[in-house]
Amino acid sequence: MIDFGISTAGDASAMNRTGMAIGTPGFMSPEQLTDQDAGPASDVFALSAVLVYTATGTAPFGTGTAHALHYRTVHEPPRLDALPPELREVVSACLAKAPDQRPKVADLLDRLTSAENSATAAAALPAEPGWMPDPVAGLVQARTPVTAWGCSGVGLGA
């Protein structure tokens, strides 16, 4: 996964110079900001930051200058109070400062796709047909187990 904000870097004239951080402040992992090895755990961190922003409209480390966001990312806990309670625990684990404290990608997928989480997600889906584009609805429906949502494709409009 690559951070979605990379294409809108405002003050970067070149995106690939030695010593230059590539990513969006507030969404980059602490290891990226402290010049340590970044790997799948960094992707888990960035994904969770995007999830927080998507669910709440605010980034997990607030707003401000790049330096302030970098500092908070490395040294302060994320702000997750506005996050729905059913997501708070898993997202908090994904935003751990130490990469080895974050869930592995496979574990994260298991947690996010458990029957209990799927049922919660299904309850939050819009019920009217057609809210999701047909090709996307078809993919979701094909990958949705009947046992997780009660019936395959609820509200997908496919």
Protein backbone atom coordinates (compact mmCIF):
# COMPACT_ATOMS: atom_id res chain seq x y z
CA MET A 1 0.00 0.00 0.00
CA ILE A 2 1.19 3.48 -0.70
CA ASP A 3 -0.03 6.55 1.13
CA PHE A 4 -2.85 8.17 -0.85
CA GLY A 5 -1.62 11.72 -0.28
CA ILE A 6 1.67 11.30 -2.09
CA SER A 7 0.33 12.75 -5.33
CA THR A 8 -0.53 16.04 -3.65
CA ALA A 9 2.76 16.84 -1.92
CA GLY A 10 2.63 20.63 -1.95
CA ASP A 11 6.23 21.64 -1.31
CA ALA A 12 8.08 18.85 -3.13
CA SER A 13 9.69 19.59 -6.47
CA ALA A 14 11.17 16.08 -6.77
CA MET A 15 9.62 13.03 -5.20
CA ASN A 16 12.68 10.82 -5.03
CA ARG A 17 15.74 12.56 -3.58
CA THR A 18 18.10 11.10 -1.01
CA GLY A 19 17.05 12.05 2.50
CA MET A 20 13.56 13.08 1.44
CA ALA A 21 10.58 11.51 3.17
CA ILE A 22 7.90 10.32 0.78
CA GLY A 23 4.43 10.32 2.27
CA THR A 24 1.84 12.52 3.84
CA PRO A 25 2.53 14.00 7.29
CA GLY A 26 0.25 12.40 9.85
CA PHE A 27 -0.08 9.20 7.82
CA MET A 28 3.56 8.07 7.72
CA SER A 29 4.76 5.53 10.28
CA PRO A 30 7.15 6.47 13.09
CA GLU A 31 9.85 4.26 11.55
CA GLN A 32 9.64 6.20 8.29
CA LEU A 33 10.02 9.45 10.20
CA THR A 34 12.99 8.25 12.23
CA ASP A 35 14.85 6.85 9.20
CA GLN A 36 14.44 3.21 10.15
CA ASP A 37 13.46 0.27 7.94
CA ALA A 38 9.88 0.44 6.76
CA GLY A 39 7.97 -2.66 5.68
CA PRO A 40 4.52 -4.19 5.92
CA ALA A 41 4.06 -2.81 9.44
CA SER A 42 4.37 0.70 7.95
CA ASP A 43 1.60 -0.15 5.52
CA VAL A 44 -0.59 -1.33 8.42
CA PHE A 45 0.08 1.99 10.18
CA ALA A 46 -0.76 4.05 7.07
CA LEU A 47 -3.90 2.01 6.36
CA SER A 48 -5.11 2.61 9.90
CA ALA A 49 -4.43 6.32 9.65
CA VAL A 50 -6.50 6.39 6.45
CA LEU A 51 -9.27 4.40 8.18
CA VAL A 52 -9.37 6.94 11.01
CA TYR A 53 -9.57 9.80 8.53
CA THR A 54 -12.27 8.01 6.51
CA ALA A 55 -14.37 7.20 9.57
CA THR A 56 -14.01 10.52 11.39
CA GLY A 57 -12.94 13.19 8.91
CA THR A 58 -9.82 13.92 10.96
CA ALA A 59 -6.37 12.38 10.93
CA PRO A 60 -5.27 10.38 13.99
CA PHE A 61 -2.56 12.91 14.85
CA GLY A 62 -4.56 16.04 14.14
CA THR A 63 -3.63 18.85 11.81
CA GLY A 64 -0.84 21.37 11.59
CA THR A 65 2.58 21.74 10.09
CA ALA A 66 4.53 18.74 8.88
CA HIS A 67 6.94 19.10 11.80
CA ALA A 68 4.13 19.12 14.36
CA LEU A 69 2.46 16.09 12.76
CA HIS A 70 5.76 14.21 12.60
CA TYR A 71 6.42 14.93 16.27
CA ARG A 72 2.94 13.78 17.36
CA THR A 73 3.18 10.66 15.19
CA VAL A 74 6.45 9.62 16.84
CA HIS A 75 5.79 10.79 20.42
CA GLU A 76 2.06 11.12 21.16
CA PRO A 77 -0.89 8.73 21.13
CA PRO A 78 -3.37 8.94 18.24
CA ARG A 79 -6.67 10.71 18.80
CA LEU A 80 -9.28 7.99 18.38
CA ASP A 81 -12.20 9.28 20.47
CA ALA A 82 -14.32 10.05 17.38
CA LEU A 83 -13.73 6.58 15.95
CA PRO A 84 -16.62 4.12 16.29
CA PRO A 85 -15.96 1.96 19.39
CA GLU A 86 -16.02 -1.29 17.41
CA LEU A 87 -12.97 -0.11 15.42
CA ARG A 88 -11.03 1.66 18.17
CA GLU A 89 -9.18 -1.37 19.58
CA VAL A 90 -7.95 -2.75 16.27
CA VAL A 91 -7.01 0.67 14.88
CA SER A 92 -5.19 1.55 18.09
CA ALA A 93 -3.13 -1.64 17.77
CA CYS A 94 -2.31 -0.78 14.16
CA LEU A 95 -1.10 2.67 15.18
CA ALA A 96 1.36 1.34 17.78
CA LYS A 97 4.62 3.28 17.73
CA ALA A 98 6.79 0.13 17.47
CA PRO A 99 6.30 -1.83 14.22
CA ASP A 100 6.63 -5.18 16.00
CA GLN A 101 3.68 -4.24 18.24
CA ARG A 102 1.30 -3.83 15.27
CA PRO A 103 -0.78 -6.74 13.98
CA LYS A 104 0.57 -8.62 10.97
CA VAL A 105 -1.39 -8.10 7.76
CA ALA A 106 -2.96 -11.60 7.91
CA ASP A 107 -4.01 -11.07 11.54
CA LEU A 108 -5.47 -7.68 10.67
CA LEU A 109 -7.50 -9.17 7.82
CA ASP A 110 -8.80 -11.88 10.15
CA ARG A 111 -9.83 -9.29 12.75
CA LEU A 112 -11.53 -7.05 10.23
CA THR A 113 -13.37 -9.86 8.46
CA SER A 114 -14.53 -11.88 11.44
CA ALA A 115 -18.20 -12.84 11.47
CA GLU A 116 -18.88 -10.42 14.33
CA ASN A 117 -17.24 -7.49 12.53
CA SER A 118 -18.93 -8.41 9.24
CA ALA A 119 -22.34 -8.41 10.94
CA THR A 120 -21.62 -4.99 12.44
CA ALA A 121 -20.49 -3.69 9.06
CA ALA A 122 -23.56 -5.12 7.34
CA ALA A 123 -25.84 -3.32 9.76
CA ALA A 124 -24.14 -0.04 8.85
CA LEU A 125 -24.43 -0.53 5.07
CA PRO A 126 -27.02 1.52 3.20
CA ALA A 127 -29.98 -0.75 2.49
CA GLU A 128 -31.12 0.80 -0.76
CA PRO A 129 -29.97 -0.98 -3.94
CA GLY A 130 -27.58 0.74 -6.29
CA TRP A 131 -25.56 2.70 -3.73
CA MET A 132 -22.41 0.90 -4.83
CA PRO A 133 -21.22 0.71 -8.47
CA ASP A 134 -22.27 -2.64 -10.01
CA PRO A 135 -18.72 -3.94 -10.67
CA VAL A 136 -17.71 -3.22 -7.04
CA ALA A 137 -20.96 -4.66 -5.69
CA GLY A 138 -20.38 -7.82 -7.71
CA LEU A 139 -16.86 -8.25 -6.28
CA VAL A 140 -18.05 -7.68 -2.72
CA GLN A 141 -20.99 -10.03 -3.17
CA ALA A 142 -18.76 -12.76 -4.63
CA ARG A 143 -16.45 -12.55 -1.61
CA THR A 144 -19.10 -12.25 1.09
CA PRO A 145 -19.81 -15.49 2.95
CA VAL A 146 -23.48 -16.14 3.59
CA THR A 147 -22.77 -17.02 7.22
CA ALA A 148 -21.12 -13.67 7.99
CA TRP A 149 -23.92 -11.32 6.90
CA GLY A 150 -26.93 -13.56 7.14
CA CYS A 151 -27.46 -13.36 3.40
CA SER A 152 -24.97 -12.63 0.65
CA GLY A 153 -25.00 -9.18 -0.89
CA VAL A 154 -27.30 -7.31 1.51
CA GLY A 155 -27.85 -3.78 0.23
CA LEU A 156 -25.19 -4.03 -2.45
CA GLY A 157 -27.45 -3.33 -5.36
CA ALA A 158 -25.92 -6.05 -7.54
